[in-house]
C-alpha cells in the first residue's frame, strides 16, 4: 500500500493519504477532505508540466529580449539623428575631402605626364643645340686648319 502526502488547507499539517482513498481526515483539526484525482500527484506529469512551463517562460523571455533590442536600436538611431546631426555634416565633409584629394592626385598625374613630354622636348632641343654647337666648332676648326 503506497502512501502520499498532502497539506491540510485548514491548519497546514501534512496528511498521509493512501493511494486509492476517496476521503481523508486531518488528525489535528479533524477537517475532512474529498480526494480528487487531480489532487494526486503524478511525478511524470508534474515534471512534464514543469519543463513545459520553463520552456514557455524561456520563449517569452527570448521574444521580450528581441522586442527590447528592436526598441533599443530605434531609440539609438533616433538619438544619433537628433542629438548628433553633426555626424551628417561630418560625413559630407569627409566625402568632399576624399573627392578633393582624388582630384589633386589626378591633376598631379596629368601634370607630371605632360611634364615628361615637355622635359623630353627640352632634352631634344638641348641635344640639337649641342649638336649644332659641335658642328660650328668643327667648321671653325676646319677653317683654321685651311688657313694655315
N, C-alpha and C. Protein backbone atom coordinates (compact mmCIF):
# COMPACT_ATOMS: atom_id res chain seq x y z
N UNK A 1 0.84 -1.17 0.00
CA UNK A 1 0.00 0.00 0.00
C UNK A 1 0.90 1.25 0.00
N UNK A 2 0.70 2.11 -1.01
CA UNK A 2 1.53 3.29 -1.18
C UNK A 2 0.86 4.48 -0.50
N UNK A 3 1.66 5.30 0.19
CA UNK A 3 1.13 6.48 0.86
C UNK A 3 1.61 7.74 0.13
N UNK A 4 0.73 8.70 0.06
CA UNK A 4 1.06 10.01 -0.49
C UNK A 4 0.81 11.04 0.59
N UNK A 5 1.41 12.22 0.43
CA UNK A 5 1.22 13.27 1.43
C UNK A 5 0.58 14.47 0.78
N UNK A 6 -0.36 15.06 1.51
CA UNK A 6 -1.00 16.32 1.11
C UNK A 6 -0.90 17.27 2.28
N UNK A 7 -1.04 18.55 2.01
CA UNK A 7 -1.01 19.55 3.07
C UNK A 7 -2.45 19.95 3.39
N UNK A 8 -2.76 20.01 4.68
CA UNK A 8 -4.10 20.40 5.12
C UNK A 8 -4.31 21.87 4.80
N UNK A 9 -5.42 22.16 4.13
CA UNK A 9 -5.71 23.53 3.73
C UNK A 9 -6.20 24.37 4.91
N UNK A 10 -6.57 23.72 5.99
CA UNK A 10 -7.09 24.42 7.16
C UNK A 10 -5.98 24.78 8.14
N UNK A 11 -5.18 23.76 8.56
CA UNK A 11 -4.16 24.01 9.58
C UNK A 11 -2.74 23.91 9.05
N UNK A 12 -2.54 23.40 7.86
CA UNK A 12 -1.20 23.33 7.27
C UNK A 12 -0.45 22.06 7.62
N UNK A 13 -1.07 21.15 8.36
CA UNK A 13 -0.39 19.91 8.73
C UNK A 13 -0.29 18.99 7.52
N UNK A 14 0.68 18.09 7.57
CA UNK A 14 0.85 17.13 6.49
C UNK A 14 -0.07 15.95 6.77
N UNK A 15 -0.85 15.59 5.73
CA UNK A 15 -1.81 14.50 5.85
C UNK A 15 -1.32 13.36 4.98
N UNK A 16 -1.25 12.16 5.57
CA UNK A 16 -0.87 10.98 4.79
C UNK A 16 -2.11 10.39 4.16
N UNK A 17 -2.02 10.12 2.86
CA UNK A 17 -3.18 9.63 2.11
C UNK A 17 -2.80 8.30 1.49
N UNK A 18 -3.71 7.32 1.66
CA UNK A 18 -3.49 6.05 1.00
C UNK A 18 -3.75 6.23 -0.50
N UNK A 19 -3.18 5.35 -1.29
CA UNK A 19 -3.18 5.50 -2.74
C UNK A 19 -4.58 5.60 -3.34
N UNK A 20 -5.51 4.81 -2.98
CA UNK A 20 -6.83 4.79 -3.61
C UNK A 20 -7.91 5.43 -2.73
N UNK A 21 -7.56 6.20 -1.72
CA UNK A 21 -8.52 6.78 -0.80
C UNK A 21 -9.35 7.84 -1.50
N UNK A 22 -10.62 7.93 -1.17
CA UNK A 22 -11.53 8.93 -1.72
C UNK A 22 -11.68 10.13 -0.79
N UNK A 23 -11.58 9.88 0.52
CA UNK A 23 -11.69 10.92 1.54
C UNK A 23 -10.52 10.78 2.50
N UNK A 24 -10.16 11.88 3.15
CA UNK A 24 -9.11 11.86 4.16
C UNK A 24 -9.46 12.89 5.23
N UNK A 25 -9.09 12.60 6.46
CA UNK A 25 -9.38 13.49 7.58
C UNK A 25 -8.08 13.89 8.24
N UNK A 26 -7.93 15.18 8.51
CA UNK A 26 -6.74 15.68 9.19
C UNK A 26 -6.82 15.26 10.65
N UNK A 27 -5.79 14.62 11.18
CA UNK A 27 -5.84 14.15 12.56
C UNK A 27 -5.60 15.26 13.56
N UNK A 28 -5.25 16.47 13.11
CA UNK A 28 -5.02 17.59 14.03
C UNK A 28 -6.24 18.49 14.18
N UNK A 29 -6.91 18.78 13.04
CA UNK A 29 -8.06 19.69 13.12
C UNK A 29 -9.37 19.00 12.74
N UNK A 30 -9.31 17.71 12.46
CA UNK A 30 -10.48 16.90 12.11
C UNK A 30 -11.27 17.41 10.91
N UNK A 31 -10.58 18.07 9.98
CA UNK A 31 -11.23 18.51 8.75
C UNK A 31 -11.16 17.37 7.75
N UNK A 32 -12.29 17.11 7.11
CA UNK A 32 -12.34 16.03 6.13
C UNK A 32 -12.27 16.63 4.73
N UNK A 33 -11.45 15.99 3.92
CA UNK A 33 -11.28 16.45 2.54
C UNK A 33 -11.63 15.32 1.60
N UNK A 34 -12.26 15.69 0.48
CA UNK A 34 -12.54 14.72 -0.56
C UNK A 34 -11.35 14.74 -1.52
N UNK A 35 -10.81 13.59 -1.81
CA UNK A 35 -9.63 13.48 -2.68
C UNK A 35 -10.11 13.38 -4.12
N UNK A 36 -9.66 14.31 -4.95
CA UNK A 36 -9.96 14.27 -6.37
C UNK A 36 -8.75 13.67 -7.08
N UNK A 37 -8.99 13.14 -8.25
CA UNK A 37 -7.88 12.54 -9.00
C UNK A 37 -6.79 13.56 -9.32
N UNK A 38 -7.17 14.83 -9.56
CA UNK A 38 -6.13 15.82 -9.89
C UNK A 38 -5.31 16.22 -8.68
N UNK A 39 -5.82 15.94 -7.45
CA UNK A 39 -5.04 16.21 -6.25
C UNK A 39 -3.88 15.24 -6.10
N UNK A 40 -4.01 14.07 -6.65
CA UNK A 40 -2.94 13.09 -6.57
C UNK A 40 -1.85 13.51 -7.54
N UNK A 41 -0.64 13.39 -7.12
CA UNK A 41 0.49 13.89 -7.88
C UNK A 41 1.13 12.75 -8.68
N UNK A 42 1.19 12.95 -9.99
CA UNK A 42 1.91 12.03 -10.86
C UNK A 42 3.25 12.70 -11.17
N UNK A 43 4.37 12.13 -10.70
CA UNK A 43 5.65 12.81 -10.88
C UNK A 43 6.02 13.03 -12.35
N UNK A 44 5.64 12.11 -13.22
CA UNK A 44 5.95 12.30 -14.64
C UNK A 44 5.18 13.47 -15.21
N UNK A 45 3.89 13.54 -14.86
CA UNK A 45 3.06 14.64 -15.35
C UNK A 45 3.54 15.97 -14.76
N UNK A 46 3.90 15.93 -13.49
CA UNK A 46 4.38 17.14 -12.83
C UNK A 46 5.69 17.61 -13.48
N UNK A 47 6.60 16.67 -13.77
CA UNK A 47 7.86 17.02 -14.43
C UNK A 47 7.63 17.58 -15.83
N UNK A 48 6.69 16.96 -16.56
CA UNK A 48 6.36 17.43 -17.90
C UNK A 48 5.82 18.85 -17.85
N UNK A 49 4.90 19.09 -16.92
CA UNK A 49 4.30 20.43 -16.80
C UNK A 49 5.36 21.46 -16.41
N UNK A 50 6.28 21.05 -15.52
CA UNK A 50 7.34 21.96 -15.11
C UNK A 50 8.22 22.34 -16.31
N UNK A 51 8.66 21.34 -17.08
CA UNK A 51 9.51 21.60 -18.24
C UNK A 51 8.78 22.42 -19.30
N UNK A 52 7.51 22.10 -19.49
CA UNK A 52 6.71 22.85 -20.45
C UNK A 52 6.63 24.32 -20.04
N UNK A 53 6.38 24.55 -18.77
CA UNK A 53 6.30 25.92 -18.27
C UNK A 53 7.64 26.63 -18.36
N UNK A 54 8.71 25.92 -18.05
CA UNK A 54 10.05 26.52 -18.14
C UNK A 54 10.38 26.91 -19.57
N UNK A 55 10.05 26.03 -20.53
CA UNK A 55 10.32 26.31 -21.93
C UNK A 55 9.48 27.48 -22.44
N UNK A 56 8.23 27.55 -22.01
CA UNK A 56 7.38 28.67 -22.41
C UNK A 56 7.92 29.98 -21.84
N UNK A 57 8.40 29.93 -20.59
CA UNK A 57 8.98 31.14 -19.98
C UNK A 57 10.23 31.58 -20.72
N UNK A 58 11.07 30.63 -21.12
CA UNK A 58 12.27 30.97 -21.88
C UNK A 58 11.92 31.58 -23.23
N UNK A 59 10.91 31.00 -23.89
CA UNK A 59 10.48 31.52 -25.18
C UNK A 59 9.94 32.95 -25.04
N UNK A 60 9.16 33.17 -23.99
CA UNK A 60 8.61 34.50 -23.75
C UNK A 60 9.75 35.50 -23.46
N UNK A 61 10.72 35.07 -22.66
CA UNK A 61 11.86 35.94 -22.35
C UNK A 61 12.65 36.26 -23.62
N UNK A 62 12.82 35.27 -24.48
CA UNK A 62 13.53 35.48 -25.75
C UNK A 62 12.80 36.49 -26.61
N UNK A 63 11.47 36.34 -26.72
CA UNK A 63 10.68 37.30 -27.51
C UNK A 63 10.79 38.71 -26.93
N UNK A 64 10.74 38.81 -25.60
CA UNK A 64 10.87 40.12 -24.95
C UNK A 64 12.24 40.73 -25.24
N UNK A 65 13.28 39.90 -25.19
CA UNK A 65 14.62 40.41 -25.48
C UNK A 65 14.72 40.91 -26.91
N UNK A 66 14.12 40.19 -27.86
CA UNK A 66 14.13 40.62 -29.27
C UNK A 66 13.40 41.95 -29.42
N UNK A 67 12.24 42.07 -28.77
CA UNK A 67 11.48 43.32 -28.84
C UNK A 67 12.28 44.46 -28.22
N UNK A 68 12.91 44.20 -27.06
CA UNK A 68 13.70 45.24 -26.40
C UNK A 68 14.88 45.65 -27.25
N UNK A 69 15.50 44.69 -27.93
CA UNK A 69 16.63 45.00 -28.80
C UNK A 69 16.18 45.88 -29.96
N UNK A 70 15.02 45.56 -30.54
CA UNK A 70 14.49 46.39 -31.63
C UNK A 70 14.17 47.80 -31.15
N UNK A 71 13.57 47.92 -29.96
CA UNK A 71 13.27 49.23 -29.41
C UNK A 71 14.54 50.00 -29.11
N UNK A 72 15.55 49.33 -28.57
CA UNK A 72 16.83 49.98 -28.27
C UNK A 72 17.47 50.49 -29.55
N UNK A 73 17.42 49.67 -30.60
CA UNK A 73 18.00 50.06 -31.89
C UNK A 73 17.31 51.32 -32.42
N UNK A 74 15.98 51.35 -32.33
CA UNK A 74 15.24 52.52 -32.80
C UNK A 74 15.58 53.76 -31.98
N UNK A 75 15.67 53.59 -30.66
CA UNK A 75 15.98 54.71 -29.78
C UNK A 75 17.39 55.23 -30.07
N UNK A 76 18.34 54.31 -30.24
CA UNK A 76 19.72 54.72 -30.51
C UNK A 76 19.81 55.46 -31.84
N UNK A 77 19.14 54.94 -32.86
CA UNK A 77 19.17 55.59 -34.18
C UNK A 77 18.55 56.99 -34.10
N UNK A 78 17.42 57.10 -33.38
CA UNK A 78 16.76 58.39 -33.24
C UNK A 78 17.65 59.37 -32.48
N UNK A 79 18.30 58.89 -31.43
CA UNK A 79 19.19 59.75 -30.63
C UNK A 79 20.36 60.24 -31.48
N UNK A 80 20.95 59.35 -32.26
CA UNK A 80 22.07 59.76 -33.11
C UNK A 80 21.64 60.80 -34.14
N UNK A 81 20.45 60.63 -34.70
CA UNK A 81 19.98 61.58 -35.71
C UNK A 81 19.57 62.91 -35.10
N UNK A 82 19.00 62.89 -33.89
CA UNK A 82 18.52 64.13 -33.28
C UNK A 82 19.61 64.85 -32.49
N UNK A 83 20.35 64.09 -31.70
CA UNK A 83 21.32 64.71 -30.80
C UNK A 83 22.62 65.04 -31.52
N UNK A 84 22.99 64.22 -32.50
CA UNK A 84 24.27 64.40 -33.17
C UNK A 84 24.09 64.64 -34.67
N UNK A 85 23.44 65.74 -35.07
CA UNK A 85 23.31 65.99 -36.51
C UNK A 85 24.65 66.33 -37.15
N UNK A 86 25.65 66.63 -36.31
CA UNK A 86 26.98 66.94 -36.83
C UNK A 86 27.56 65.77 -37.60
N UNK A 87 27.13 64.54 -37.25
CA UNK A 87 27.65 63.38 -37.96
C UNK A 87 27.27 63.41 -39.43
N UNK A 88 26.10 63.93 -39.76
CA UNK A 88 25.70 64.04 -41.16
C UNK A 88 26.61 65.02 -41.89
N UNK A 89 26.87 66.16 -41.24
CA UNK A 89 27.75 67.16 -41.82
C UNK A 89 29.16 66.59 -41.94
N UNK A 90 29.59 65.87 -40.92
CA UNK A 90 30.92 65.28 -40.92
C UNK A 90 31.09 64.31 -42.08
N UNK A 91 30.05 63.51 -42.35
CA UNK A 91 30.11 62.59 -43.48
C UNK A 91 30.27 63.35 -44.79
N UNK A 92 29.54 64.45 -44.94
CA UNK A 92 29.62 65.26 -46.15
C UNK A 92 31.02 65.85 -46.29
N UNK A 93 31.58 66.33 -45.19
CA UNK A 93 32.93 66.91 -45.22
C UNK A 93 33.95 65.85 -45.65
N UNK A 94 33.81 64.65 -45.12
CA UNK A 94 34.74 63.57 -45.48
C UNK A 94 34.62 63.25 -46.96
N UNK A 95 33.40 63.18 -47.47
CA UNK A 95 33.20 62.88 -48.89
C UNK A 95 33.83 63.96 -49.76
N UNK A 96 33.62 65.24 -49.39
CA UNK A 96 34.20 66.34 -50.16
C UNK A 96 35.72 66.28 -50.09
N UNK A 97 36.25 65.96 -48.92
CA UNK A 97 37.70 65.87 -48.76
C UNK A 97 38.28 64.76 -49.64
N UNK A 98 37.64 63.62 -49.65
CA UNK A 98 38.11 62.49 -50.46
C UNK A 98 38.07 62.87 -51.94
N UNK A 99 37.00 63.51 -52.37
CA UNK A 99 36.90 63.92 -53.77
C UNK A 99 37.99 64.93 -54.12
N UNK A 100 38.27 65.86 -53.19
CA UNK A 100 39.31 66.86 -53.43
C UNK A 100 40.68 66.20 -53.54
N UNK A 101 40.98 65.30 -52.63
CA UNK A 101 42.27 64.60 -52.68
C UNK A 101 42.38 63.80 -53.97
N UNK A 102 41.31 63.12 -54.34
CA UNK A 102 41.31 62.35 -55.58
C UNK A 102 41.56 63.27 -56.77
N UNK A 103 40.93 64.44 -56.78
CA UNK A 103 41.14 65.41 -57.86
C UNK A 103 42.56 65.91 -57.92
N UNK A 104 43.15 66.17 -56.76
CA UNK A 104 44.55 66.64 -56.72
C UNK A 104 45.49 65.56 -57.25
N UNK A 105 45.24 64.32 -56.87
CA UNK A 105 46.07 63.22 -57.36
C UNK A 105 45.96 63.10 -58.87
N UNK A 106 44.76 63.16 -59.40
CA UNK A 106 44.56 63.07 -60.86
C UNK A 106 45.25 64.24 -61.56
N UNK A 107 45.09 65.46 -61.02
CA UNK A 107 45.72 66.64 -61.62
C UNK A 107 47.24 66.51 -61.62
N UNK A 108 47.79 66.01 -60.49
CA UNK A 108 49.24 65.83 -60.40
C UNK A 108 49.73 64.80 -61.41
N UNK A 109 48.99 63.73 -61.57
CA UNK A 109 49.38 62.70 -62.53
C UNK A 109 49.37 63.26 -63.96
N UNK A 110 48.32 63.98 -64.28
CA UNK A 110 48.22 64.56 -65.63
C UNK A 110 49.34 65.57 -65.85
N UNK A 111 49.58 66.39 -64.84
CA UNK A 111 50.66 67.39 -64.96
C UNK A 111 52.01 66.73 -65.12
N UNK A 112 52.24 65.66 -64.37
CA UNK A 112 53.54 65.00 -64.46
C UNK A 112 53.72 64.33 -65.81
N UNK A 113 52.66 63.79 -66.38
CA UNK A 113 52.78 63.20 -67.72
C UNK A 113 53.07 64.27 -68.75
N UNK A 114 52.39 65.39 -68.65
CA UNK A 114 52.67 66.46 -69.60
C UNK A 114 54.04 67.05 -69.33
N UNK A 115 54.48 67.04 -68.09
CA UNK A 115 55.83 67.49 -67.76
C UNK A 115 56.88 66.59 -68.36
N UNK A 116 56.62 65.29 -68.39
CA UNK A 116 57.55 64.37 -69.03
C UNK A 116 57.68 64.70 -70.52
N UNK A 117 56.55 65.02 -71.12
CA UNK A 117 56.57 65.34 -72.55
C UNK A 117 57.38 66.61 -72.79
N UNK A 118 57.15 67.63 -71.99
CA UNK A 118 57.89 68.87 -72.18
C UNK A 118 59.36 68.69 -71.81
N UNK A 119 59.67 67.87 -70.83
CA UNK A 119 61.07 67.59 -70.48
C UNK A 119 61.76 66.87 -71.63
N UNK A 120 61.08 65.95 -72.26
CA UNK A 120 61.64 65.24 -73.39
C UNK A 120 61.91 66.21 -74.54
N UNK A 121 60.93 67.11 -74.75
CA UNK A 121 61.11 68.11 -75.81
C UNK A 121 62.32 69.00 -75.51
N UNK A 122 62.45 69.41 -74.23
CA UNK A 122 63.59 70.25 -73.86
C UNK A 122 64.92 69.51 -74.04
N UNK A 123 64.89 68.22 -73.68
CA UNK A 123 66.11 67.42 -73.84
C UNK A 123 66.50 67.32 -75.31
N UNK A 124 65.53 67.09 -76.16
CA UNK A 124 65.81 67.02 -77.59
C UNK A 124 66.33 68.36 -78.11
N UNK A 125 65.75 69.44 -77.64
CA UNK A 125 66.18 70.78 -78.06
C UNK A 125 67.62 71.02 -77.63
N UNK A 126 67.94 70.63 -76.37
CA UNK A 126 69.31 70.82 -75.87
C UNK A 126 70.29 69.97 -76.68
N UNK A 127 69.90 68.72 -76.98
CA UNK A 127 70.77 67.86 -77.79
C UNK A 127 70.97 68.44 -79.18
N UNK A 128 69.91 68.97 -79.76
CA UNK A 128 70.02 69.59 -81.09
C UNK A 128 70.94 70.81 -81.05
N UNK A 129 70.76 71.63 -79.99
CA UNK A 129 71.62 72.81 -79.86
C UNK A 129 73.08 72.38 -79.67
N UNK A 130 73.28 71.32 -78.87
CA UNK A 130 74.64 70.84 -78.63
C UNK A 130 75.26 70.31 -79.94
N UNK A 131 74.45 69.57 -80.70
CA UNK A 131 74.94 69.07 -81.99
C UNK A 131 75.28 70.22 -82.93
N UNK A 132 74.45 71.25 -82.94
CA UNK A 132 74.69 72.41 -83.78
C UNK A 132 75.97 73.12 -83.33
N UNK A 133 76.19 73.22 -82.04
CA UNK A 133 77.39 73.86 -81.49
C UNK A 133 78.62 73.06 -81.89
N UNK A 134 78.53 71.74 -81.78
CA UNK A 134 79.66 70.89 -82.19
C UNK A 134 79.95 71.07 -83.68
N UNK A 135 78.91 71.15 -84.48
CA UNK A 135 79.09 71.35 -85.93
C UNK A 135 79.79 72.68 -86.20
N UNK A 136 79.42 73.72 -85.51
CA UNK A 136 80.05 75.03 -85.68
C UNK A 136 81.52 74.98 -85.26
N UNK A 137 81.77 74.26 -84.14
CA UNK A 137 83.16 74.13 -83.68
C UNK A 137 84.00 73.40 -84.73
N UNK A 138 83.45 72.35 -85.31
CA UNK A 138 84.17 71.59 -86.33
C UNK A 138 84.44 72.47 -87.56
N UNK A 139 83.45 73.28 -87.96
CA UNK A 139 83.62 74.17 -89.11
C UNK A 139 84.73 75.19 -88.84
N UNK A 140 84.78 75.77 -87.67
CA UNK A 140 85.81 76.74 -87.31
C UNK A 140 87.20 76.08 -87.32
N UNK A 141 87.17 74.83 -86.72
CA UNK A 141 88.46 74.13 -86.69
C UNK A 141 88.95 73.87 -88.11
N UNK A 142 88.07 73.52 -89.01
CA UNK A 142 88.46 73.29 -90.41
C UNK A 142 88.92 74.56 -91.07
N UNK A 143 88.22 75.68 -90.79
CA UNK A 143 88.62 76.98 -91.34
C UNK A 143 90.02 77.36 -90.87
N UNK A 144 90.27 77.11 -89.59
CA UNK A 144 91.58 77.49 -89.05
C UNK A 144 92.65 76.60 -89.70
N UNK A 145 92.37 75.34 -89.83
CA UNK A 145 93.34 74.42 -90.44
C UNK A 145 93.54 74.78 -91.94
N UNK A 146 92.51 75.16 -92.62
CA UNK A 146 92.61 75.51 -94.04
C UNK A 146 93.37 76.81 -94.24
N UNK A 147 93.32 77.69 -93.31
CA UNK A 147 94.02 78.97 -93.40
C UNK A 147 95.52 78.81 -93.12
N UNK A 148 95.98 77.79 -92.64
CA UNK A 148 97.41 77.57 -92.40
C UNK A 148 98.05 77.13 -93.61
